[in-house]
Protein backbone atom coordinates (compact mmCIF):
# COMPACT_ATOMS: atom_id res chain seq x y z
CA MET A 1 12.86 -25.10 2.20
CA PRO A 2 9.86 -23.74 4.10
CA LYS A 3 7.14 -21.73 2.50
CA MET A 4 7.66 -18.14 2.58
CA LYS A 5 5.24 -16.25 4.85
CA THR A 6 3.46 -13.16 3.94
CA LYS A 7 4.78 -10.11 6.23
CA SER A 8 1.94 -9.45 8.70
CA GLY A 9 2.81 -5.63 8.42
CA ALA A 10 2.28 -5.84 4.66
CA LYS A 11 -1.19 -7.60 5.06
CA LYS A 12 -2.34 -4.62 7.09
CA ARG A 13 -1.20 -2.06 4.54
CA PHE A 14 -1.55 -3.41 1.09
CA SER A 15 -4.06 -5.21 -1.00
CA LEU A 16 -4.32 -6.69 -4.44
CA THR A 17 -7.01 -5.80 -7.04
CA ALA A 18 -8.51 -8.59 -9.16
CA THR A 19 -6.04 -7.68 -12.01
CA GLY A 20 -3.25 -8.10 -9.50
CA LYS A 21 -2.47 -4.48 -9.02
CA VAL A 22 -1.31 -3.33 -5.59
CA LYS A 23 -3.44 -1.07 -3.67
CA LEU A 24 -2.44 1.04 -0.81
CA PRO A 25 -3.75 3.87 1.41
CA VAL A 26 -2.42 7.54 0.26
CA ALA A 27 0.60 8.71 2.13
CA GLY A 28 0.91 11.86 4.16
CA LYS A 29 -1.96 11.52 6.55
CA ARG A 30 -0.54 9.94 9.78
CA HIS A 31 0.43 13.05 11.66
CA GLY A 32 0.92 16.74 11.02
CA MET A 33 -2.32 17.69 9.70
CA ARG A 34 -2.36 21.42 10.83
CA LYS A 35 0.29 22.06 8.40
CA ARG A 36 -1.27 20.60 5.53
CA GLY A 37 -4.22 22.23 3.34
CA ASN A 38 -7.45 21.29 3.40
CA ARG A 39 -7.33 20.55 -0.30
CA PHE A 40 -4.40 18.18 0.38
CA LEU A 41 -6.31 16.39 3.07
CA ARG A 42 -9.49 16.04 0.91
CA GLN A 43 -7.59 14.54 -1.86
CA ALA A 44 -5.58 12.30 0.26
CA THR A 45 -8.46 10.12 1.38
CA GLY A 46 -8.97 6.52 0.06
CA THR A 47 -6.41 4.42 -1.75
CA VAL A 48 -4.14 4.63 -4.77
CA ILE A 49 -2.58 2.03 -7.14
CA ALA A 50 0.99 1.81 -6.63
CA SER A 51 3.45 2.64 -9.44
CA GLU A 52 4.59 -0.50 -11.21
CA GLY A 53 8.21 -0.54 -9.98
CA ASP A 54 7.15 -0.32 -6.31
CA ALA A 55 4.29 -3.01 -6.80
CA ARG A 56 6.87 -5.47 -8.31
CA LYS A 57 9.02 -4.83 -5.17
CA ILE A 58 5.93 -5.32 -2.71
CA ARG A 59 4.73 -8.56 -4.47
CA GLN A 60 8.01 -10.07 -4.36
CA HIS A 61 9.40 -9.20 -0.89
CA PHE A 62 6.36 -8.75 1.00
CA LEU A 63 3.31 -10.57 -0.55
CA PRO A 64 4.73 -13.76 -1.86
CA ASN A 65 1.58 -15.68 -1.38
CA GLY A 66 -0.57 -13.06 -3.00
CA LEU A 67 -2.55 -12.31 -0.03
C-alpha cells in the first residue's frame, strides 16, 4: 500500500506545535468585515489551538505525516 500523502490544502491551513497540538488561523475573517464589530476583528487576529476532538480528526485525516 502506498504512503499516505498530506493534503496540500491542509499544509497551508494547519501547523503543529512542538507538543503536537494543531494550530490554525481564527475563523470568520475571510469576507463580510463591514458587518463585524471592531472588537471582533481585533480579537480574531493570529492563530488558535484547535479543540482536541477537531485536532484528532485533522491529524488523522489531513496530516498523516505530521507535517
